[in-house]
């Protein structure tokens, strides 16, 4: 348990967890701001944290995945719905790359 506790202690020290969570949430907001209104993109749910639920036109989703962007099918919201997740290691460049890809391939 002490090895697990040591990791948890580091995570809680100096609000590291809060900085990581805040960063992930900012990256999700940046993503939504960048893709909202793009052709073939529908934001399916208000974004309150680091998860974005979207509907992509099938060709757009396939092209983005082929280009190396990873996201998850999310059929709870119907066909062509996906869950995009940002994290503590997500950079602005990562988000901007996906936004650029959406605007490049969206029709």
PDB file of N, CA and C in Angstrom:
ATOM      1  N   UNK A   1       0.816  -1.195   0.000  1.00  0.00           N
ATOM      2  CA  UNK A   1       0.000   0.000   0.000  1.00  0.00           C
ATOM      3  C   UNK A   1       0.857   1.256   0.000  1.00  0.00           C
ATOM      4  N   UNK A   2       2.057   1.193   0.587  1.00  0.00           N
ATOM      5  CA  UNK A   2       2.829   2.432   0.683  1.00  0.00           C
ATOM      6  C   UNK A   2       3.238   2.943  -0.692  1.00  0.00           C
ATOM      7  N   UNK A   3       3.428   2.041  -1.676  1.00  0.00           N
ATOM      8  CA  UNK A   3       3.778   2.500  -3.017  1.00  0.00           C
ATOM      9  C   UNK A   3       2.600   3.229  -3.659  1.00  0.00           C
ATOM     10  N   UNK A   4       1.433   2.694  -3.459  1.00  0.00           N
ATOM     11  CA  UNK A   4       0.228   3.350  -3.953  1.00  0.00           C
ATOM     12  C   UNK A   4       0.009   4.677  -3.229  1.00  0.00           C
ATOM     13  N   UNK A   5       0.217   4.678  -1.936  1.00  0.00           N
ATOM     14  CA  UNK A   5       0.034   5.896  -1.148  1.00  0.00           C
ATOM     15  C   UNK A   5       1.018   6.980  -1.561  1.00  0.00           C
ATOM     16  N   UNK A   6       2.233   6.608  -1.888  1.00  0.00           N
ATOM     17  CA  UNK A   6       3.235   7.589  -2.311  1.00  0.00           C
ATOM     18  C   UNK A   6       2.792   8.297  -3.586  1.00  0.00           C
ATOM     19  N   UNK A   7       2.203   7.557  -4.503  1.00  0.00           N
ATOM     20  CA  UNK A   7       1.712   8.175  -5.738  1.00  0.00           C
ATOM     21  C   UNK A   7       0.556   9.124  -5.438  1.00  0.00           C
ATOM     22  N   UNK A   8      -0.322   8.696  -4.580  1.00  0.00           N
ATOM     23  CA  UNK A   8      -1.466   9.524  -4.226  1.00  0.00           C
ATOM     24  C   UNK A   8      -1.019  10.781  -3.496  1.00  0.00           C
ATOM     25  N   UNK A   9      -0.040  10.642  -2.620  1.00  0.00           N
ATOM     26  CA  UNK A   9       0.475  11.802  -1.902  1.00  0.00           C
ATOM     27  C   UNK A   9       1.044  12.834  -2.878  1.00  0.00           C
ATOM     28  N   UNK A  10       1.800  12.374  -3.858  1.00  0.00           N
ATOM     29  CA  UNK A  10       2.362  13.289  -4.858  1.00  0.00           C
ATOM     30  C   UNK A  10       1.263  13.959  -5.678  1.00  0.00           C
ATOM     31  N   UNK A  11       0.228  13.219  -5.973  1.00  0.00           N
ATOM     32  CA  UNK A  11      -0.893  13.741  -6.761  1.00  0.00           C
ATOM     33  C   UNK A  11      -1.630  14.841  -6.006  1.00  0.00           C
ATOM     34  N   UNK A  12      -1.732  14.699  -4.700  1.00  0.00           N
ATOM     35  CA  UNK A  12      -2.452  15.680  -3.892  1.00  0.00           C
ATOM     36  C   UNK A  12      -1.595  16.869  -3.474  1.00  0.00           C
ATOM     37  N   UNK A  13      -0.299  16.684  -3.451  1.00  0.00           N
ATOM     38  CA  UNK A  13       0.613  17.733  -2.996  1.00  0.00           C
ATOM     39  C   UNK A  13       0.550  18.951  -3.922  1.00  0.00           C
ATOM     40  N   UNK A  14       0.473  20.104  -3.325  1.00  0.00           N
ATOM     41  CA  UNK A  14       0.486  21.377  -4.054  1.00  0.00           C
ATOM     42  C   UNK A  14      -0.597  21.446  -5.134  1.00  0.00           C
ATOM     43  N   UNK A  15      -1.708  20.755  -4.897  1.00  0.00           N
ATOM     44  CA  UNK A  15      -2.857  20.790  -5.828  1.00  0.00           C
ATOM     45  C   UNK A  15      -2.513  20.341  -7.244  1.00  0.00           C
ATOM     46  N   UNK A  16      -1.600  19.388  -7.362  1.00  0.00           N
ATOM     47  CA  UNK A  16      -1.264  18.863  -8.690  1.00  0.00           C
ATOM     48  C   UNK A  16      -2.502  18.337  -9.390  1.00  0.00           C
ATOM     49  N   UNK A  17      -3.350  17.614  -8.682  1.00  0.00           N
ATOM     50  CA  UNK A  17      -4.577  17.057  -9.264  1.00  0.00           C
ATOM     51  C   UNK A  17      -5.448  18.169  -9.839  1.00  0.00           C
ATOM     52  N   UNK A  18      -5.516  19.292  -9.141  1.00  0.00           N
ATOM     53  CA  UNK A  18      -6.367  20.395  -9.592  1.00  0.00           C
ATOM     54  C   UNK A  18      -5.787  21.053 -10.842  1.00  0.00           C
ATOM     55  N   UNK A  19      -4.479  21.215 -10.867  1.00  0.00           N
ATOM     56  CA  UNK A  19      -3.848  21.787 -12.064  1.00  0.00           C
ATOM     57  C   UNK A  19      -4.057  20.882 -13.274  1.00  0.00           C
ATOM     58  N   UNK A  20      -3.897  19.576 -13.076  1.00  0.00           N
ATOM     59  CA  UNK A  20      -4.100  18.634 -14.186  1.00  0.00           C
ATOM     60  C   UNK A  20      -5.553  18.647 -14.662  1.00  0.00           C
ATOM     61  N   UNK A  21      -6.485  18.618 -13.732  1.00  0.00           N
ATOM     62  CA  UNK A  21      -7.905  18.622 -14.101  1.00  0.00           C
ATOM     63  C   UNK A  21      -8.294  19.925 -14.791  1.00  0.00           C
ATOM     64  N   UNK A  22      -7.814  21.030 -14.283  1.00  0.00           N
ATOM     65  CA  UNK A  22      -8.130  22.330 -14.897  1.00  0.00           C
ATOM     66  C   UNK A  22      -7.583  22.406 -16.320  1.00  0.00           C
ATOM     67  N   UNK A  23      -6.383  21.914 -16.506  1.00  0.00           N
ATOM     68  CA  UNK A  23      -5.787  21.904 -17.846  1.00  0.00           C
ATOM     69  C   UNK A  23      -6.615  21.048 -18.804  1.00  0.00           C
ATOM     70  N   UNK A  24      -6.980  19.860 -18.373  1.00  0.00           N
ATOM     71  CA  UNK A  24      -7.782  18.970 -19.220  1.00  0.00           C
ATOM     72  C   UNK A  24      -9.112  19.623 -19.576  1.00  0.00           C
ATOM     73  N   UNK A  25      -9.724  20.284 -18.630  1.00  0.00           N
ATOM     74  CA  UNK A  25     -10.997  20.964 -18.887  1.00  0.00           C
ATOM     75  C   UNK A  25     -10.818  22.122 -19.864  1.00  0.00           C
ATOM     76  N   UNK A  26      -9.737  22.874 -19.736  1.00  0.00           N
ATOM     77  CA  UNK A  26      -9.462  23.973 -20.687  1.00  0.00           C
ATOM     78  C   UNK A  26      -9.256  23.435 -22.102  1.00  0.00           C
ATOM     79  N   UNK A  27      -8.583  22.305 -22.216  1.00  0.00           N
ATOM     80  CA  UNK A  27      -8.346  21.726 -23.541  1.00  0.00           C
ATOM     81  C   UNK A  27      -9.662  21.266 -24.165  1.00  0.00           C
ATOM     82  N   UNK A  28     -10.575  20.731 -23.367  1.00  0.00           N
ATOM     83  CA  UNK A  28     -11.890  20.332 -23.890  1.00  0.00           C
ATOM     84  C   UNK A  28     -12.665  21.554 -24.353  1.00  0.00           C
ATOM     85  N   UNK A  29     -12.622  22.637 -23.584  1.00  0.00           N
ATOM     86  CA  UNK A  29     -13.310  23.873 -23.977  1.00  0.00           C
ATOM     87  C   UNK A  29     -12.699  24.429 -25.261  1.00  0.00           C
ATOM     88  N   UNK A  30     -11.381  24.376 -25.368  1.00  0.00           N
ATOM     89  CA  UNK A  30     -10.705  24.844 -26.586  1.00  0.00           C
ATOM     90  C   UNK A  30     -11.146  24.009 -27.793  1.00  0.00           C
ATOM     91  N   UNK A  31     -11.255  22.704 -27.587  1.00  0.00           N
ATOM     92  CA  UNK A  31     -11.694  21.816 -28.654  1.00  0.00           C
ATOM     93  C   UNK A  31     -13.099  22.168 -29.123  1.00  0.00           C
ATOM     94  N   UNK A  32     -14.008  22.339 -28.185  1.00  0.00           N
ATOM     95  CA  UNK A  32     -15.388  22.677 -28.544  1.00  0.00           C
ATOM     96  C   UNK A  32     -15.436  24.016 -29.266  1.00  0.00           C
ATOM     97  N   UNK A  33     -14.716  24.994 -28.754  1.00  0.00           N
ATOM     98  CA  UNK A  33     -14.696  26.309 -29.412  1.00  0.00           C
ATOM     99  C   UNK A  33     -14.198  26.190 -30.850  1.00  0.00           C
ATOM    100  N   UNK A  34     -13.254  25.281 -31.078  1.00  0.00           N
ATOM    101  CA  UNK A  34     -12.669  25.140 -32.403  1.00  0.00           C
ATOM    102  C   UNK A  34     -13.520  24.372 -33.394  1.00  0.00           C
ATOM    103  N   UNK A  35     -14.303  23.415 -32.914  1.00  0.00           N
ATOM    104  CA  UNK A  35     -15.055  22.588 -33.871  1.00  0.00           C
ATOM    105  C   UNK A  35     -16.538  22.914 -33.943  1.00  0.00           C
ATOM    106  N   UNK A  36     -17.049  23.655 -32.974  1.00  0.00           N
ATOM    107  CA  UNK A  36     -18.478  23.997 -32.992  1.00  0.00           C
ATOM    108  C   UNK A  36     -18.798  24.768 -34.272  1.00  0.00           C
ATOM    109  N   UNK A  37     -19.837  24.365 -34.930  1.00  0.00           N
ATOM    110  CA  UNK A  37     -20.266  25.045 -36.145  1.00  0.00           C
ATOM    111  C   UNK A  37     -19.599  24.550 -37.414  1.00  0.00           C
ATOM    112  N   UNK A  38     -18.633  23.659 -37.295  1.00  0.00           N
ATOM    113  CA  UNK A  38     -18.007  23.112 -38.503  1.00  0.00           C
ATOM    114  C   UNK A  38     -19.013  22.211 -39.210  1.00  0.00           C
ATOM    115  N   UNK A  39     -18.992  22.180 -40.548  1.00  0.00           N
ATOM    116  CA  UNK A  39     -19.910  21.314 -41.280  1.00  0.00           C
ATOM    117  C   UNK A  39     -19.715  19.857 -40.884  1.00  0.00           C
ATOM    118  N   UNK A  40     -20.813  19.160 -40.671  1.00  0.00           N
ATOM    119  CA  UNK A  40     -20.749  17.748 -40.335  1.00  0.00           C
ATOM    120  C   UNK A  40     -20.404  17.464 -38.888  1.00  0.00           C
ATOM    121  N   UNK A  41     -20.415  18.505 -38.031  1.00  0.00           N
ATOM    122  CA  UNK A  41     -20.083  18.346 -36.619  1.00  0.00           C
ATOM    123  C   UNK A  41     -21.245  18.854 -35.776  1.00  0.00           C
ATOM    124  N   UNK A  42     -21.652  18.054 -34.811  1.00  0.00           N
ATOM    125  CA  UNK A  42     -22.694  18.458 -33.869  1.00  0.00           C
ATOM    126  C   UNK A  42     -22.199  18.159 -32.454  1.00  0.00           C
ATOM    127  N   UNK A  43     -22.179  19.174 -31.609  1.00  0.00           N
ATOM    128  CA  UNK A  43     -21.836  18.980 -30.199  1.00  0.00           C
ATOM    129  C   UNK A  43     -23.094  18.447 -29.532  1.00  0.00           C
ATOM    130  N   UNK A  44     -23.018  17.282 -28.907  1.00  0.00           N
ATOM    131  CA  UNK A  44     -24.200  16.587 -28.416  1.00  0.00           C
ATOM    132  C   UNK A  44     -24.569  16.893 -26.973  1.00  0.00           C
ATOM    133  N   UNK A  45     -23.643  17.442 -26.234  1.00  0.00           N
ATOM    134  CA  UNK A  45     -23.916  17.670 -24.816  1.00  0.00           C
ATOM    135  C   UNK A  45     -23.060  18.841 -24.338  1.00  0.00           C
ATOM    136  N   UNK A  46     -23.581  19.596 -23.407  1.00  0.00           N
ATOM    137  CA  UNK A  46     -22.810  20.690 -22.824  1.00  0.00           C
ATOM    138  C   UNK A  46     -21.528  20.116 -22.214  1.00  0.00           C
ATOM    139  N   UNK A  47     -20.438  20.830 -22.391  1.00  0.00           N
ATOM    140  CA  UNK A  47     -19.145  20.349 -21.894  1.00  0.00           C
ATOM    141  C   UNK A  47     -18.868  20.994 -20.542  1.00  0.00           C
ATOM    142  N   UNK A  48     -18.828  20.154 -19.510  1.00  0.00           N
ATOM    143  CA  UNK A  48     -18.565  20.626 -18.155  1.00  0.00           C
ATOM    144  C   UNK A  48     -17.214  20.157 -17.628  1.00  0.00           C
ATOM    145  N   UNK A  49     -16.577  19.261 -18.326  1.00  0.00           N
ATOM    146  CA  UNK A  49     -15.308  18.701 -17.848  1.00  0.00           C
ATOM    147  C   UNK A  49     -14.422  18.426 -19.059  1.00  0.00           C
ATOM    148  N   UNK A  50     -13.729  17.307 -19.054  1.00  0.00           N
ATOM    149  CA  UNK A  50     -12.758  17.025 -20.109  1.00  0.00           C
ATOM    150  C   UNK A  50     -13.248  16.022 -21.150  1.00  0.00           C
ATOM    151  N   UNK A  51     -14.544  15.863 -21.263  1.00  0.00           N
ATOM    152  CA  UNK A  51     -15.106  14.938 -22.247  1.00  0.00           C
ATOM    153  C   UNK A  51     -16.047  15.697 -23.160  1.00  0.00           C
ATOM    154  N   UNK A  52     -15.893  15.474 -24.455  1.00  0.00           N
ATOM    155  CA  UNK A  52     -16.720  16.135 -25.464  1.00  0.00           C
ATOM    156  C   UNK A  52     -17.449  15.045 -26.241  1.00  0.00           C
ATOM    157  N   UNK A  53     -18.767  15.138 -26.281  1.00  0.00           N
ATOM    158  CA  UNK A  53     -19.577  14.209 -27.065  1.00  0.00           C
ATOM    159  C   UNK A  53     -19.982  14.924 -28.351  1.00  0.00           C
ATOM    160  N   UNK A  54     -19.665  14.307 -29.485  1.00  0.00           N
ATOM    161  CA  UNK A  54     -19.937  14.921 -30.784  1.00  0.00           C
ATOM    162  C   UNK A  54     -20.545  13.901 -31.731  1.00  0.00           C
ATOM    163  N   UNK A  55     -21.145  14.421 -32.765  1.00  0.00           N
ATOM    164  CA  UNK A  55     -21.539  13.606 -33.907  1.00  0.00           C
ATOM    165  C   UNK A  55     -20.730  14.130 -35.083  1.00  0.00           C
ATOM    166  N   UNK A  56     -19.988  13.213 -35.704  1.00  0.00           N
ATOM    167  CA  UNK A  56     -19.223  13.531 -36.909  1.00  0.00           C
ATOM    168  C   UNK A  56     -19.873  12.835 -38.079  1.00  0.00           C
ATOM    169  N   UNK A  57     -19.857  13.475 -39.231  1.00  0.00           N
ATOM    170  CA  UNK A  57     -20.233  12.770 -40.448  1.00  0.00           C
ATOM    171  C   UNK A  57     -19.284  11.571 -40.593  1.00  0.00           C
ATOM    172  N   UNK A  58     -19.795  10.411 -40.994  1.00  0.00           N
ATOM    173  CA  UNK A  58     -18.944   9.214 -41.061  1.00  0.00           C
ATOM    174  C   UNK A  58     -17.639   9.391 -41.841  1.00  0.00           C
ATOM    175  N   UNK A  59     -17.653  10.047 -43.005  1.00  0.00           N
ATOM    176  CA  UNK A  59     -16.369  10.206 -43.707  1.00  0.00           C
ATOM    177  C   UNK A  59     -15.372  11.062 -42.916  1.00  0.00           C
ATOM    178  N   UNK A  60     -15.878  12.055 -42.192  1.00  0.00           N
ATOM    179  CA  UNK A  60     -14.999  12.897 -41.384  1.00  0.00           C
ATOM    180  C   UNK A  60     -14.367  12.079 -40.257  1.00  0.00           C
ATOM    181  N   UNK A  61     -15.172  11.315 -39.551  1.00  0.00           N
ATOM    182  CA  UNK A  61     -14.655  10.487 -38.452  1.00  0.00           C
ATOM    183  C   UNK A  61     -13.610   9.505 -38.971  1.00  0.00           C
ATOM    184  N   UNK A  62     -13.891   8.855 -40.071  1.00  0.00           N
ATOM    185  CA  UNK A  62     -12.955   7.873 -40.627  1.00  0.00           C
ATOM    186  C   UNK A  62     -11.637   8.536 -41.027  1.00  0.00           C
ATOM    187  N   UNK A  63     -11.706   9.688 -41.634  1.00  0.00           N
ATOM    188  CA  UNK A  63     -10.494  10.396 -42.049  1.00  0.00           C
ATOM    189  C   UNK A  63      -9.676  10.841 -40.845  1.00  0.00           C
ATOM    190  N   UNK A  64     -10.335  11.377 -39.825  1.00  0.00           N
ATOM    191  CA  UNK A  64      -9.613  11.802 -38.625  1.00  0.00           C
ATOM    192  C   UNK A  64      -8.931  10.622 -37.940  1.00  0.00           C
ATOM    193  N   UNK A  65      -9.627   9.501 -37.864  1.00  0.00           N
ATOM    194  CA  UNK A  65      -9.019   8.318 -37.250  1.00  0.00           C
ATOM    195  C   UNK A  65      -7.859   7.797 -38.094  1.00  0.00           C
ATOM    196  N   UNK A  66      -8.010   7.845 -39.382  1.00  0.00           N
ATOM    197  CA  UNK A  66      -6.931   7.418 -40.280  1.00  0.00           C
ATOM    198  C   UNK A  66      -5.700   8.313 -40.103  1.00  0.00           C
ATOM    199  N   UNK A  67      -5.937   9.594 -39.789  1.00  0.00           N
ATOM    200  CA  UNK A  67      -4.839  10.538 -39.562  1.00  0.00           C
ATOM    201  C   UNK A  67      -4.221  10.399 -38.166  1.00  0.00           C
ATOM    202  N   UNK A  68      -4.738   9.460 -37.368  1.00  0.00           N
ATOM    203  CA  UNK A  68      -4.129   9.181 -36.079  1.00  0.00           C
ATOM    204  C   UNK A  68      -4.843   9.756 -34.871  1.00  0.00           C
ATOM    205  N   UNK A  69      -5.942  10.455 -35.068  1.00  0.00           N
ATOM    206  CA  UNK A  69      -6.696  10.967 -33.931  1.00  0.00           C
ATOM    207  C   UNK A  69      -7.498   9.825 -33.330  1.00  0.00           C
ATOM    208  N   UNK A  70      -7.445   9.745 -32.017  1.00  0.00           N
ATOM    209  CA  UNK A  70      -8.123   8.651 -31.333  1.00  0.00           C
ATOM    210  C   UNK A  70      -9.326   9.178 -30.572  1.00  0.00           C
ATOM    211  N   UNK A  71     -10.449   8.565 -30.831  1.00  0.00           N
ATOM    212  CA  UNK A  71     -11.672   8.862 -30.091  1.00  0.00           C
ATOM    213  C   UNK A  71     -12.530   7.621 -30.117  1.00  0.00           C
ATOM    214  N   UNK A  72     -13.568   7.636 -29.310  1.00  0.00           N
ATOM    215  CA  UNK A  72     -14.336   6.420 -29.062  1.00  0.00           C
ATOM    216  C   UNK A  72     -15.742   6.513 -29.625  1.00  0.00           C
ATOM    217  N   UNK A  73     -16.219   5.441 -30.260  1.00  0.00           N
ATOM    218  CA  UNK A  73     -17.624   5.366 -30.647  1.00  0.00           C
ATOM    219  C   UNK A  73     -18.459   5.509 -29.383  1.00  0.00           C
ATOM    220  N   UNK A  74     -19.563   6.228 -29.480  1.00  0.00           N
ATOM    221  CA  UNK A  74     -20.423   6.417 -28.314  1.00  0.00           C
ATOM    222  C   UNK A  74     -21.881   6.296 -28.743  1.00  0.00           C
ATOM    223  N   UNK A  75     -22.325   5.073 -29.031  1.00  0.00           N
ATOM    224  CA  UNK A  75     -23.655   4.851 -29.601  1.00  0.00           C
ATOM    225  C   UNK A  75     -24.810   5.198 -28.669  1.00  0.00           C
ATOM    226  N   UNK A  76     -24.522   5.505 -27.420  1.00  0.00           N
ATOM    227  CA  UNK A  76     -25.587   5.928 -26.501  1.00  0.00           C
ATOM    228  C   UNK A  76     -26.325   7.141 -27.070  1.00  0.00           C
ATOM    229  N   UNK A  77     -25.606   7.985 -27.789  1.00  0.00           N
ATOM    230  CA  UNK A  77     -26.200   9.179 -28.390  1.00  0.00           C
ATOM    231  C   UNK A  77     -26.646   8.947 -29.828  1.00  0.00           C
ATOM    232  N   UNK A  78     -26.661   7.711 -30.272  1.00  0.00           N
ATOM    233  CA  UNK A  78     -27.118   7.395 -31.617  1.00  0.00           C
ATOM    234  C   UNK A  78     -25.954   7.147 -32.560  1.00  0.00           C
ATOM    235  N   UNK A  79     -26.313   6.993 -33.810  1.00  0.00           N
ATOM    236  CA  UNK A  79     -25.316   6.683 -34.839  1.00  0.00           C
ATOM    237  C   UNK A  79     -24.331   7.829 -35.006  1.00  0.00           C
ATOM    238  N   UNK A  80     -23.111   7.476 -35.301  1.00  0.00           N
ATOM    239  CA  UNK A  80     -22.049   8.430 -35.611  1.00  0.00           C
ATOM    240  C   UNK A  80     -21.722   9.372 -34.455  1.00  0.00           C
ATOM    241  N   UNK A  81     -21.973   8.936 -33.234  1.00  0.00           N
ATOM    242  CA  UNK A  81     -21.636   9.732 -32.056  1.00  0.00           C
ATOM    243  C   UNK A  81     -20.306   9.233 -31.493  1.00  0.00           C
ATOM    244  N   UNK A  82     -19.531  10.170 -30.991  1.00  0.00           N
ATOM    245  CA  UNK A  82     -18.196   9.848 -30.497  1.00  0.00           C
ATOM    246  C   UNK A  82     -17.925  10.595 -29.197  1.00  0.00           C
ATOM    247  N   UNK A  83     -17.004  10.029 -28.428  1.00  0.00           N
ATOM    248  CA  UNK A  83     -16.561  10.635 -27.172  1.00  0.00           C
ATOM    249  C   UNK A  83     -15.094  11.008 -27.335  1.00  0.00           C
ATOM    250  N   UNK A  84     -14.797  12.294 -27.191  1.00  0.00           N
ATOM    251  CA  UNK A  84     -13.433  12.800 -27.267  1.00  0.00           C
ATOM    252  C   UNK A  84     -13.019  13.179 -25.850  1.00  0.00           C
ATOM    253  N   UNK A  85     -11.843  12.742 -25.427  1.00  0.00           N
ATOM    254  CA  UNK A  85     -11.388  12.965 -24.057  1.00  0.00           C
ATOM    255  C   UNK A  85     -10.044  13.687 -24.093  1.00  0.00           C
ATOM    256  N   UNK A  86      -9.949  14.754 -23.315  1.00  0.00           N
ATOM    257  CA  UNK A  86      -8.669  15.441 -23.134  1.00  0.00           C
ATOM    258  C   UNK A  86      -8.124  15.072 -21.761  1.00  0.00           C
ATOM    259  N   UNK A  87      -6.828  15.225 -21.585  1.00  0.00           N
ATOM    260  CA  UNK A  87      -6.209  14.856 -20.318  1.00  0.00           C
ATOM    261  C   UNK A  87      -5.121  15.828 -19.922  1.00  0.00           C
ATOM    262  N   UNK A  88      -4.425  15.505 -18.855  1.00  0.00           N
ATOM    263  CA  UNK A  88      -3.384  16.391 -18.348  1.00  0.00           C
ATOM    264  C   UNK A  88      -2.246  16.560 -19.350  1.00  0.00           C
ATOM    265  N   UNK A  89      -2.050  15.590 -20.220  1.00  0.00           N
ATOM    266  CA  UNK A  89      -0.952  15.636 -21.183  1.00  0.00           C
ATOM    267  C   UNK A  89      -1.386  16.175 -22.553  1.00  0.00           C
ATOM    268  N   UNK A  90      -2.656  16.513 -22.705  1.00  0.00           N
ATOM    269  CA  UNK A  90      -3.145  17.067 -23.970  1.00  0.00           C
ATOM    270  C   UNK A  90      -2.586  18.477 -24.127  1.00  0.00           C
ATOM    271  N   UNK A  91      -1.970  18.736 -25.256  1.00  0.00           N
ATOM    272  CA  UNK A  91      -1.394  20.068 -25.492  1.00  0.00           C
ATOM    273  C   UNK A  91      -2.325  20.899 -26.371  1.00  0.00           C
ATOM    274  N   UNK A  92      -2.080  22.197 -26.375  1.00  0.00           N
ATOM    275  CA  UNK A  92      -2.824  23.070 -27.278  1.00  0.00           C
ATOM    276  C   UNK A  92      -2.594  22.649 -28.721  1.00  0.00           C
ATOM    277  N   UNK A  93      -1.385  22.207 -29.013  1.00  0.00           N
ATOM    278  CA  UNK A  93      -1.065  21.759 -30.372  1.00  0.00           C
ATOM    279  C   UNK A  93      -1.869  20.519 -30.746  1.00  0.00           C
ATOM    280  N   UNK A  94      -2.073  19.615 -29.789  1.00  0.00           N
ATOM    281  CA  UNK A  94      -2.907  18.437 -30.037  1.00  0.00           C
ATOM    282  C   UNK A  94      -4.324  18.862 -30.425  1.00  0.00           C
ATOM    283  N   UNK A  95      -4.872  19.751 -29.627  1.00  0.00           N
ATOM    284  CA  UNK A  95      -6.244  20.223 -29.871  1.00  0.00           C
ATOM    285  C   UNK A  95      -6.312  20.961 -31.192  1.00  0.00           C
ATOM    286  N   UNK A  96      -5.367  21.863 -31.422  1.00  0.00           N
ATOM    287  CA  UNK A  96      -5.378  22.638 -32.663  1.00  0.00           C
ATOM    288  C   UNK A  96      -5.233  21.741 -33.883  1.00  0.00           C
ATOM    289  N   UNK A  97      -4.481  20.657 -33.761  1.00  0.00           N
ATOM    290  CA  UNK A  97      -4.346  19.711 -34.867  1.00  0.00           C
ATOM    291  C   UNK A  97      -5.665  19.050 -35.196  1.00  0.00           C
ATOM    292  N   UNK A  98      -6.414  18.648 -34.169  1.00  0.00           N
ATOM    293  CA  UNK A  98      -7.727  18.044 -34.414  1.00  0.00           C
ATOM    294  C   UNK A  98      -8.692  19.071 -34.989  1.00  0.00           C
ATOM    295  N   UNK A  99      -8.661  20.280 -34.458  1.00  0.00           N
ATOM    296  CA  UNK A  99      -9.525  21.336 -34.986  1.00  0.00           C
ATOM    297  C   UNK A  99      -9.213  21.596 -36.448  1.00  0.00           C
ATOM    298  N   UNK A 100      -7.938  21.671 -36.772  1.00  0.00           N
ATOM    299  CA  UNK A 100      -7.535  21.879 -38.168  1.00  0.00           C
ATOM    300  C   UNK A 100      -7.999  20.731 -39.042  1.00  0.00           C
ATOM    301  N   UNK A 101      -7.846  19.500 -38.550  1.00  0.00           N
ATOM    302  CA  UNK A 101      -8.303  18.343 -39.312  1.00  0.00           C
ATOM    303  C   UNK A 101      -9.807  18.378 -39.561  1.00  0.00           C
ATOM    304  N   UNK A 102     -10.561  18.745 -38.545  1.00  0.00           N
ATOM    305  CA  UNK A 102     -12.023  18.846 -38.704  1.00  0.00           C
ATOM    306  C   UNK A 102     -12.354  19.860 -39.780  1.00  0.00           C
ATOM    307  N   UNK A 103     -11.737  21.025 -39.728  1.00  0.00           N
ATOM    308  CA  UNK A 103     -12.067  22.070 -40.707  1.00  0.00           C
ATOM    309  C   UNK A 103     -11.525  21.751 -42.106  1.00  0.00           C
ATOM    310  N   UNK A 104     -10.470  20.982 -42.171  1.00  0.00           N
ATOM    311  CA  UNK A 104      -9.918  20.604 -43.471  1.00  0.00           C
ATOM    312  C   UNK A 104     -10.808  19.584 -44.169  1.00  0.00           C
ATOM    313  N   UNK A 105     -11.301  18.597 -43.401  1.00  0.00           N
ATOM    314  CA  UNK A 105     -12.025  17.484 -43.999  1.00  0.00           C
ATOM    315  C   UNK A 105     -13.541  17.600 -43.897  1.00  0.00           C
ATOM    316  N   UNK A 106     -14.030  18.530 -43.088  1.00  0.00           N
ATOM    317  CA  UNK A 106     -15.501  18.641 -42.913  1.00  0.00           C
ATOM    318  C   UNK A 106     -16.141  19.142 -44.199  1.00  0.00           C
ATOM    319  N   UNK A 107     -17.298  18.550 -44.475  1.00  0.00           N
ATOM    320  CA  UNK A 107     -18.033  18.972 -45.681  1.00  0.00           C
ATOM    321  C   UNK A 107     -19.496  19.077 -45.346  1.00  0.00           C
TER     322      UNK A 107
END
